[in-house]
């Protein structure tokens, strides 16, 4: 019998994230809503780069991660290739 091991990412950095103390409403707004408040919080966050790296490596398609919106992360991925 073949058993495949699935590794889970280390998400300890999330405990230090300012978004964890703020609430998801800012970071996952309704379509067409402003992400300005989320980006303002991200700009102050000490682990912003780890958050963005996680979002890019896990292809997060929704919400604000590491200070970037879905469209901004998509543009970043396209320029990286």
PDB file of N, CA and C in Angstrom:
ATOM      1  N   UNK A   1       0.846  -1.185   0.000  1.00  0.00           N
ATOM      2  CA  UNK A   1       0.000   0.000   0.000  1.00  0.00           C
ATOM      3  C   UNK A   1       0.885   1.238   0.000  1.00  0.00           C
ATOM      4  N   UNK A   2       0.617   2.166  -0.902  1.00  0.00           N
ATOM      5  CA  UNK A   2       1.396   3.398  -1.017  1.00  0.00           C
ATOM      6  C   UNK A   2       0.722   4.505  -0.223  1.00  0.00           C
ATOM      7  N   UNK A   3       1.460   5.095   0.697  1.00  0.00           N
ATOM      8  CA  UNK A   3       0.944   6.192   1.487  1.00  0.00           C
ATOM      9  C   UNK A   3       1.754   7.440   1.167  1.00  0.00           C
ATOM     10  N   UNK A   4       1.061   8.488   0.794  1.00  0.00           N
ATOM     11  CA  UNK A   4       1.734   9.741   0.455  1.00  0.00           C
ATOM     12  C   UNK A   4       1.663  10.686   1.638  1.00  0.00           C
ATOM     13  N   UNK A   5       2.803  11.255   1.977  1.00  0.00           N
ATOM     14  CA  UNK A   5       2.865  12.201   3.085  1.00  0.00           C
ATOM     15  C   UNK A   5       2.542  13.597   2.555  1.00  0.00           C
ATOM     16  N   UNK A   6       1.650  14.263   3.223  1.00  0.00           N
ATOM     17  CA  UNK A   6       1.314  15.637   2.873  1.00  0.00           C
ATOM     18  C   UNK A   6       1.872  16.531   3.971  1.00  0.00           C
ATOM     19  N   UNK A   7       2.738  17.451   3.575  1.00  0.00           N
ATOM     20  CA  UNK A   7       3.306  18.352   4.564  1.00  0.00           C
ATOM     21  C   UNK A   7       2.458  19.619   4.634  1.00  0.00           C
ATOM     22  N   UNK A   8       2.280  20.087   5.831  1.00  0.00           N
ATOM     23  CA  UNK A   8       1.530  21.329   6.012  1.00  0.00           C
ATOM     24  C   UNK A   8       2.521  22.473   6.183  1.00  0.00           C
ATOM     25  N   UNK A   9       2.198  23.621   5.642  1.00  0.00           N
ATOM     26  CA  UNK A   9       3.110  24.750   5.771  1.00  0.00           C
ATOM     27  C   UNK A   9       3.168  25.242   7.208  1.00  0.00           C
ATOM     28  N   UNK A  10       4.298  25.814   7.580  1.00  0.00           N
ATOM     29  CA  UNK A  10       4.454  26.394   8.903  1.00  0.00           C
ATOM     30  C   UNK A  10       3.735  27.731   8.924  1.00  0.00           C
ATOM     31  N   UNK A  11       2.682  27.812   9.675  1.00  0.00           N
ATOM     32  CA  UNK A  11       1.864  29.019   9.706  1.00  0.00           C
ATOM     33  C   UNK A  11       2.011  29.794  11.014  1.00  0.00           C
ATOM     34  N   UNK A  12       3.091  29.540  11.752  1.00  0.00           N
ATOM     35  CA  UNK A  12       3.306  30.220  13.029  1.00  0.00           C
ATOM     36  C   UNK A  12       3.392  31.734  12.857  1.00  0.00           C
ATOM     37  N   UNK A  13       3.858  32.185  11.702  1.00  0.00           N
ATOM     38  CA  UNK A  13       3.970  33.621  11.450  1.00  0.00           C
ATOM     39  C   UNK A  13       2.617  34.317  11.546  1.00  0.00           C
ATOM     40  N   UNK A  14       1.538  33.588  11.289  1.00  0.00           N
ATOM     41  CA  UNK A  14       0.208  34.187  11.311  1.00  0.00           C
ATOM     42  C   UNK A  14      -0.188  34.700  12.699  1.00  0.00           C
ATOM     43  N   UNK A  15       0.389  34.108  13.734  1.00  0.00           N
ATOM     44  CA  UNK A  15       0.077  34.550  15.093  1.00  0.00           C
ATOM     45  C   UNK A  15       0.546  35.977  15.345  1.00  0.00           C
ATOM     46  N   UNK A  16       1.598  36.403  14.643  1.00  0.00           N
ATOM     47  CA  UNK A  16       2.140  37.749  14.803  1.00  0.00           C
ATOM     48  C   UNK A  16       1.488  38.761  13.856  1.00  0.00           C
ATOM     49  N   UNK A  17       0.675  38.276  12.946  1.00  0.00           N
ATOM     50  CA  UNK A  17       0.082  39.142  11.922  1.00  0.00           C
ATOM     51  C   UNK A  17      -0.943  40.094  12.520  1.00  0.00           C
ATOM     52  N   UNK A  18      -0.887  41.335  12.085  1.00  0.00           N
ATOM     53  CA  UNK A  18      -1.863  42.313  12.556  1.00  0.00           C
ATOM     54  C   UNK A  18      -3.277  41.964  12.107  1.00  0.00           C
ATOM     55  N   UNK A  19      -3.395  41.306  10.964  1.00  0.00           N
ATOM     56  CA  UNK A  19      -4.727  40.937  10.479  1.00  0.00           C
ATOM     57  C   UNK A  19      -5.404  39.930  11.406  1.00  0.00           C
ATOM     58  N   UNK A  20      -4.613  39.115  12.074  1.00  0.00           N
ATOM     59  CA  UNK A  20      -5.180  38.135  13.001  1.00  0.00           C
ATOM     60  C   UNK A  20      -5.828  38.826  14.200  1.00  0.00           C
ATOM     61  N   UNK A  21      -5.385  40.048  14.474  1.00  0.00           N
ATOM     62  CA  UNK A  21      -5.919  40.809  15.594  1.00  0.00           C
ATOM     63  C   UNK A  21      -7.022  41.767  15.158  1.00  0.00           C
ATOM     64  N   UNK A  22      -7.225  41.893  13.854  1.00  0.00           N
ATOM     65  CA  UNK A  22      -8.147  42.884  13.307  1.00  0.00           C
ATOM     66  C   UNK A  22      -9.468  42.283  12.863  1.00  0.00           C
ATOM     67  N   UNK A  23      -9.412  41.162  12.192  1.00  0.00           N
ATOM     68  CA  UNK A  23     -10.622  40.545  11.668  1.00  0.00           C
ATOM     69  C   UNK A  23     -10.575  40.448  10.159  1.00  0.00           C
ATOM     70  N   UNK A  24     -11.207  39.445   9.633  1.00  0.00           N
ATOM     71  CA  UNK A  24     -11.124  39.127   8.209  1.00  0.00           C
ATOM     72  C   UNK A  24     -11.906  40.084   7.314  1.00  0.00           C
ATOM     73  N   UNK A  25     -12.846  40.822   7.851  1.00  0.00           N
ATOM     74  CA  UNK A  25     -13.676  41.697   7.018  1.00  0.00           C
ATOM     75  C   UNK A  25     -12.862  42.694   6.202  1.00  0.00           C
ATOM     76  N   UNK A  26     -11.807  43.222   6.787  1.00  0.00           N
ATOM     77  CA  UNK A  26     -10.954  44.173   6.074  1.00  0.00           C
ATOM     78  C   UNK A  26     -10.217  43.502   4.917  1.00  0.00           C
ATOM     79  N   UNK A  27      -9.799  42.273   5.120  1.00  0.00           N
ATOM     80  CA  UNK A  27      -8.890  41.597   4.199  1.00  0.00           C
ATOM     81  C   UNK A  27      -9.601  40.759   3.136  1.00  0.00           C
ATOM     82  N   UNK A  28     -10.870  40.501   3.346  1.00  0.00           N
ATOM     83  CA  UNK A  28     -11.688  39.771   2.375  1.00  0.00           C
ATOM     84  C   UNK A  28     -12.991  40.543   2.156  1.00  0.00           C
ATOM     85  N   UNK A  29     -12.878  41.743   1.576  1.00  0.00           N
ATOM     86  CA  UNK A  29     -14.073  42.577   1.399  1.00  0.00           C
ATOM     87  C   UNK A  29     -14.969  42.065   0.278  1.00  0.00           C
ATOM     88  N   UNK A  30     -16.171  42.561   0.268  1.00  0.00           N
ATOM     89  CA  UNK A  30     -17.104  42.240  -0.811  1.00  0.00           C
ATOM     90  C   UNK A  30     -16.526  42.743  -2.132  1.00  0.00           C
ATOM     91  N   UNK A  31     -16.826  42.074  -3.239  1.00  0.00           N
ATOM     92  CA  UNK A  31     -16.328  42.531  -4.545  1.00  0.00           C
ATOM     93  C   UNK A  31     -16.683  43.999  -4.795  1.00  0.00           C
ATOM     94  N   UNK A  32     -15.694  44.742  -5.248  1.00  0.00           N
ATOM     95  CA  UNK A  32     -15.883  46.147  -5.539  1.00  0.00           C
ATOM     96  C   UNK A  32     -15.655  47.070  -4.352  1.00  0.00           C
ATOM     97  N   UNK A  33     -15.493  46.498  -3.150  1.00  0.00           N
ATOM     98  CA  UNK A  33     -15.250  47.311  -1.957  1.00  0.00           C
ATOM     99  C   UNK A  33     -13.783  47.723  -1.890  1.00  0.00           C
ATOM    100  N   UNK A  34     -13.520  48.734  -1.118  1.00  0.00           N
ATOM    101  CA  UNK A  34     -12.167  49.255  -0.971  1.00  0.00           C
ATOM    102  C   UNK A  34     -11.294  48.323  -0.129  1.00  0.00           C
ATOM    103  N   UNK A  35     -10.021  48.229  -0.511  1.00  0.00           N
ATOM    104  CA  UNK A  35      -9.042  47.465   0.272  1.00  0.00           C
ATOM    105  C   UNK A  35      -8.064  48.416   0.949  1.00  0.00           C
ATOM    106  N   UNK A  36      -8.379  49.697   0.934  1.00  0.00           N
ATOM    107  CA  UNK A  36      -7.491  50.722   1.490  1.00  0.00           C
ATOM    108  C   UNK A  36      -7.162  50.453   2.962  1.00  0.00           C
ATOM    109  N   UNK A  37      -8.168  50.132   3.770  1.00  0.00           N
ATOM    110  CA  UNK A  37      -7.937  49.883   5.195  1.00  0.00           C
ATOM    111  C   UNK A  37      -7.049  48.659   5.408  1.00  0.00           C
ATOM    112  N   UNK A  38      -7.280  47.621   4.635  1.00  0.00           N
ATOM    113  CA  UNK A  38      -6.457  46.419   4.754  1.00  0.00           C
ATOM    114  C   UNK A  38      -5.005  46.728   4.408  1.00  0.00           C
ATOM    115  N   UNK A  39      -4.787  47.486   3.346  1.00  0.00           N
ATOM    116  CA  UNK A  39      -3.420  47.832   2.944  1.00  0.00           C
ATOM    117  C   UNK A  39      -2.740  48.707   3.987  1.00  0.00           C
ATOM    118  N   UNK A  40      -3.504  49.564   4.620  1.00  0.00           N
ATOM    119  CA  UNK A  40      -2.954  50.415   5.685  1.00  0.00           C
ATOM    120  C   UNK A  40      -2.480  49.555   6.859  1.00  0.00           C
ATOM    121  N   UNK A  41      -3.265  48.553   7.214  1.00  0.00           N
ATOM    122  CA  UNK A  41      -2.882  47.645   8.306  1.00  0.00           C
ATOM    123  C   UNK A  41      -1.664  46.817   7.890  1.00  0.00           C
ATOM    124  N   UNK A  42      -1.659  46.321   6.676  1.00  0.00           N
ATOM    125  CA  UNK A  42      -0.527  45.534   6.177  1.00  0.00           C
ATOM    126  C   UNK A  42       0.774  46.333   6.201  1.00  0.00           C
ATOM    127  N   UNK A  43       0.686  47.610   5.884  1.00  0.00           N
ATOM    128  CA  UNK A  43       1.886  48.451   5.848  1.00  0.00           C
ATOM    129  C   UNK A  43       2.563  48.531   7.212  1.00  0.00           C
ATOM    130  N   UNK A  44       1.802  48.351   8.273  1.00  0.00           N
ATOM    131  CA  UNK A  44       2.342  48.400   9.633  1.00  0.00           C
ATOM    132  C   UNK A  44       2.751  47.031  10.169  1.00  0.00           C
ATOM    133  N   UNK A  45       2.417  45.976   9.448  1.00  0.00           N
ATOM    134  CA  UNK A  45       2.603  44.612   9.935  1.00  0.00           C
ATOM    135  C   UNK A  45       4.063  44.156   9.838  1.00  0.00           C
ATOM    136  N   UNK A  46       4.600  43.603  10.922  1.00  0.00           N
ATOM    137  CA  UNK A  46       6.007  43.178  10.920  1.00  0.00           C
ATOM    138  C   UNK A  46       6.286  41.927  10.080  1.00  0.00           C
ATOM    139  N   UNK A  47       5.265  41.180   9.717  1.00  0.00           N
ATOM    140  CA  UNK A  47       5.496  39.948   8.957  1.00  0.00           C
ATOM    141  C   UNK A  47       4.869  40.010   7.567  1.00  0.00           C
ATOM    142  N   UNK A  48       4.743  41.204   7.059  1.00  0.00           N
ATOM    143  CA  UNK A  48       4.118  41.420   5.748  1.00  0.00           C
ATOM    144  C   UNK A  48       4.788  40.596   4.654  1.00  0.00           C
ATOM    145  N   UNK A  49       6.101  40.536   4.630  1.00  0.00           N
ATOM    146  CA  UNK A  49       6.796  39.803   3.569  1.00  0.00           C
ATOM    147  C   UNK A  49       6.530  38.302   3.647  1.00  0.00           C
ATOM    148  N   UNK A  50       6.441  37.748   4.854  1.00  0.00           N
ATOM    149  CA  UNK A  50       6.139  36.318   5.010  1.00  0.00           C
ATOM    150  C   UNK A  50       4.723  36.039   4.520  1.00  0.00           C
ATOM    151  N   UNK A  51       3.819  36.941   4.778  1.00  0.00           N
ATOM    152  CA  UNK A  51       2.433  36.807   4.339  1.00  0.00           C
ATOM    153  C   UNK A  51       2.348  36.813   2.818  1.00  0.00           C
ATOM    154  N   UNK A  52       3.036  37.754   2.198  1.00  0.00           N
ATOM    155  CA  UNK A  52       3.022  37.842   0.742  1.00  0.00           C
ATOM    156  C   UNK A  52       3.667  36.607   0.122  1.00  0.00           C
ATOM    157  N   UNK A  53       4.756  36.163   0.688  1.00  0.00           N
ATOM    158  CA  UNK A  53       5.432  34.955   0.180  1.00  0.00           C
ATOM    159  C   UNK A  53       4.502  33.750   0.260  1.00  0.00           C
ATOM    160  N   UNK A  54       3.795  33.620   1.367  1.00  0.00           N
ATOM    161  CA  UNK A  54       2.843  32.519   1.536  1.00  0.00           C
ATOM    162  C   UNK A  54       1.756  32.595   0.467  1.00  0.00           C
ATOM    163  N   UNK A  55       1.183  33.780   0.270  1.00  0.00           N
ATOM    164  CA  UNK A  55       0.098  33.954  -0.697  1.00  0.00           C
ATOM    165  C   UNK A  55       0.554  33.620  -2.106  1.00  0.00           C
ATOM    166  N   UNK A  56       1.758  34.036  -2.462  1.00  0.00           N
ATOM    167  CA  UNK A  56       2.260  33.770  -3.807  1.00  0.00           C
ATOM    168  C   UNK A  56       2.583  32.288  -4.001  1.00  0.00           C
ATOM    169  N   UNK A  57       3.184  31.667  -3.004  1.00  0.00           N
ATOM    170  CA  UNK A  57       3.563  30.261  -3.150  1.00  0.00           C
ATOM    171  C   UNK A  57       2.368  29.315  -3.049  1.00  0.00           C
ATOM    172  N   UNK A  58       1.275  29.782  -2.447  1.00  0.00           N
ATOM    173  CA  UNK A  58       0.066  28.953  -2.317  1.00  0.00           C
ATOM    174  C   UNK A  58      -1.062  29.408  -3.227  1.00  0.00           C
ATOM    175  N   UNK A  59      -0.748  30.303  -4.133  1.00  0.00           N
ATOM    176  CA  UNK A  59      -1.701  30.777  -5.141  1.00  0.00           C
ATOM    177  C   UNK A  59      -3.019  31.239  -4.521  1.00  0.00           C
ATOM    178  N   UNK A  60      -2.906  32.059  -3.469  1.00  0.00           N
ATOM    179  CA  UNK A  60      -4.105  32.632  -2.844  1.00  0.00           C
ATOM    180  C   UNK A  60      -4.750  33.578  -3.841  1.00  0.00           C
ATOM    181  N   UNK A  61      -5.992  33.345  -4.148  1.00  0.00           N
ATOM    182  CA  UNK A  61      -6.671  34.121  -5.187  1.00  0.00           C
ATOM    183  C   UNK A  61      -7.616  35.176  -4.643  1.00  0.00           C
ATOM    184  N   UNK A  62      -7.885  35.161  -3.360  1.00  0.00           N
ATOM    185  CA  UNK A  62      -8.847  36.087  -2.789  1.00  0.00           C
ATOM    186  C   UNK A  62      -8.242  36.834  -1.614  1.00  0.00           C
ATOM    187  N   UNK A  63      -8.679  38.059  -1.433  1.00  0.00           N
ATOM    188  CA  UNK A  63      -8.279  38.837  -0.274  1.00  0.00           C
ATOM    189  C   UNK A  63      -6.979  39.592  -0.452  1.00  0.00           C
ATOM    190  N   UNK A  64      -6.662  40.360   0.576  1.00  0.00           N
ATOM    191  CA  UNK A  64      -5.418  41.118   0.627  1.00  0.00           C
ATOM    192  C   UNK A  64      -4.422  40.304   1.441  1.00  0.00           C
ATOM    193  N   UNK A  65      -3.279  40.033   0.855  1.00  0.00           N
ATOM    194  CA  UNK A  65      -2.199  39.277   1.500  1.00  0.00           C
ATOM    195  C   UNK A  65      -0.913  40.053   1.307  1.00  0.00           C
ATOM    196  N   UNK A  66      -0.186  40.286   2.379  1.00  0.00           N
ATOM    197  CA  UNK A  66       1.087  40.979   2.271  1.00  0.00           C
ATOM    198  C   UNK A  66       0.967  42.371   1.682  1.00  0.00           C
ATOM    199  N   UNK A  67      -0.193  42.972   1.826  1.00  0.00           N
ATOM    200  CA  UNK A  67      -0.402  44.323   1.332  1.00  0.00           C
ATOM    201  C   UNK A  67      -0.809  44.421  -0.117  1.00  0.00           C
ATOM    202  N   UNK A  68      -1.011  43.299  -0.779  1.00  0.00           N
ATOM    203  CA  UNK A  68      -1.396  43.320  -2.188  1.00  0.00           C
ATOM    204  C   UNK A  68      -2.769  42.690  -2.399  1.00  0.00           C
ATOM    205  N   UNK A  69      -3.522  43.279  -3.306  1.00  0.00           N
ATOM    206  CA  UNK A  69      -4.835  42.752  -3.666  1.00  0.00           C
ATOM    207  C   UNK A  69      -4.666  41.572  -4.626  1.00  0.00           C
ATOM    208  N   UNK A  70      -5.780  40.946  -4.961  1.00  0.00           N
ATOM    209  CA  UNK A  70      -5.749  39.824  -5.912  1.00  0.00           C
ATOM    210  C   UNK A  70      -5.127  40.253  -7.239  1.00  0.00           C
ATOM    211  N   UNK A  71      -5.561  41.393  -7.757  1.00  0.00           N
ATOM    212  CA  UNK A  71      -5.056  41.875  -9.040  1.00  0.00           C
ATOM    213  C   UNK A  71      -3.570  42.199  -8.973  1.00  0.00           C
ATOM    214  N   UNK A  72      -3.136  42.773  -7.877  1.00  0.00           N
ATOM    215  CA  UNK A  72      -1.718  43.129  -7.729  1.00  0.00           C
ATOM    216  C   UNK A  72      -0.841  41.882  -7.635  1.00  0.00           C
ATOM    217  N   UNK A  73      -1.325  40.856  -6.932  1.00  0.00           N
ATOM    218  CA  UNK A  73      -0.552  39.608  -6.857  1.00  0.00           C
ATOM    219  C   UNK A  73      -0.492  38.929  -8.217  1.00  0.00           C
ATOM    220  N   UNK A  74      -1.587  38.959  -8.954  1.00  0.00           N
ATOM    221  CA  UNK A  74      -1.610  38.377 -10.293  1.00  0.00           C
ATOM    222  C   UNK A  74      -0.602  39.094 -11.191  1.00  0.00           C
ATOM    223  N   UNK A  75      -0.587  40.402 -11.145  1.00  0.00           N
ATOM    224  CA  UNK A  75       0.368  41.187 -11.942  1.00  0.00           C
ATOM    225  C   UNK A  75       1.804  40.870 -11.541  1.00  0.00           C
ATOM    226  N   UNK A  76       2.040  40.700 -10.247  1.00  0.00           N
ATOM    227  CA  UNK A  76       3.372  40.360  -9.753  1.00  0.00           C
ATOM    228  C   UNK A  76       3.803  38.988 -10.275  1.00  0.00           C
ATOM    229  N   UNK A  77       2.895  38.019 -10.259  1.00  0.00           N
ATOM    230  CA  UNK A  77       3.200  36.686 -10.782  1.00  0.00           C
ATOM    231  C   UNK A  77       3.550  36.747 -12.261  1.00  0.00           C
ATOM    232  N   UNK A  78       2.786  37.547 -13.009  1.00  0.00           N
ATOM    233  CA  UNK A  78       3.010  37.639 -14.453  1.00  0.00           C
ATOM    234  C   UNK A  78       4.350  38.283 -14.763  1.00  0.00           C
ATOM    235  N   UNK A  79       4.749  39.302 -14.023  1.00  0.00           N
ATOM    236  CA  UNK A  79       6.036  39.955 -14.283  1.00  0.00           C
ATOM    237  C   UNK A  79       7.207  39.091 -13.835  1.00  0.00           C
ATOM    238  N   UNK A  80       6.948  38.200 -12.882  1.00  0.00           N
ATOM    239  CA  UNK A  80       8.020  37.318 -12.388  1.00  0.00           C
ATOM    240  C   UNK A  80       8.357  36.223 -13.403  1.00  0.00           C
ATOM    241  N   UNK A  81       7.428  35.915 -14.301  1.00  0.00           N
ATOM    242  CA  UNK A  81       7.667  34.833 -15.273  1.00  0.00           C
ATOM    243  C   UNK A  81       8.191  35.350 -16.528  1.00  0.00           C
TER     244      UNK A  81
END
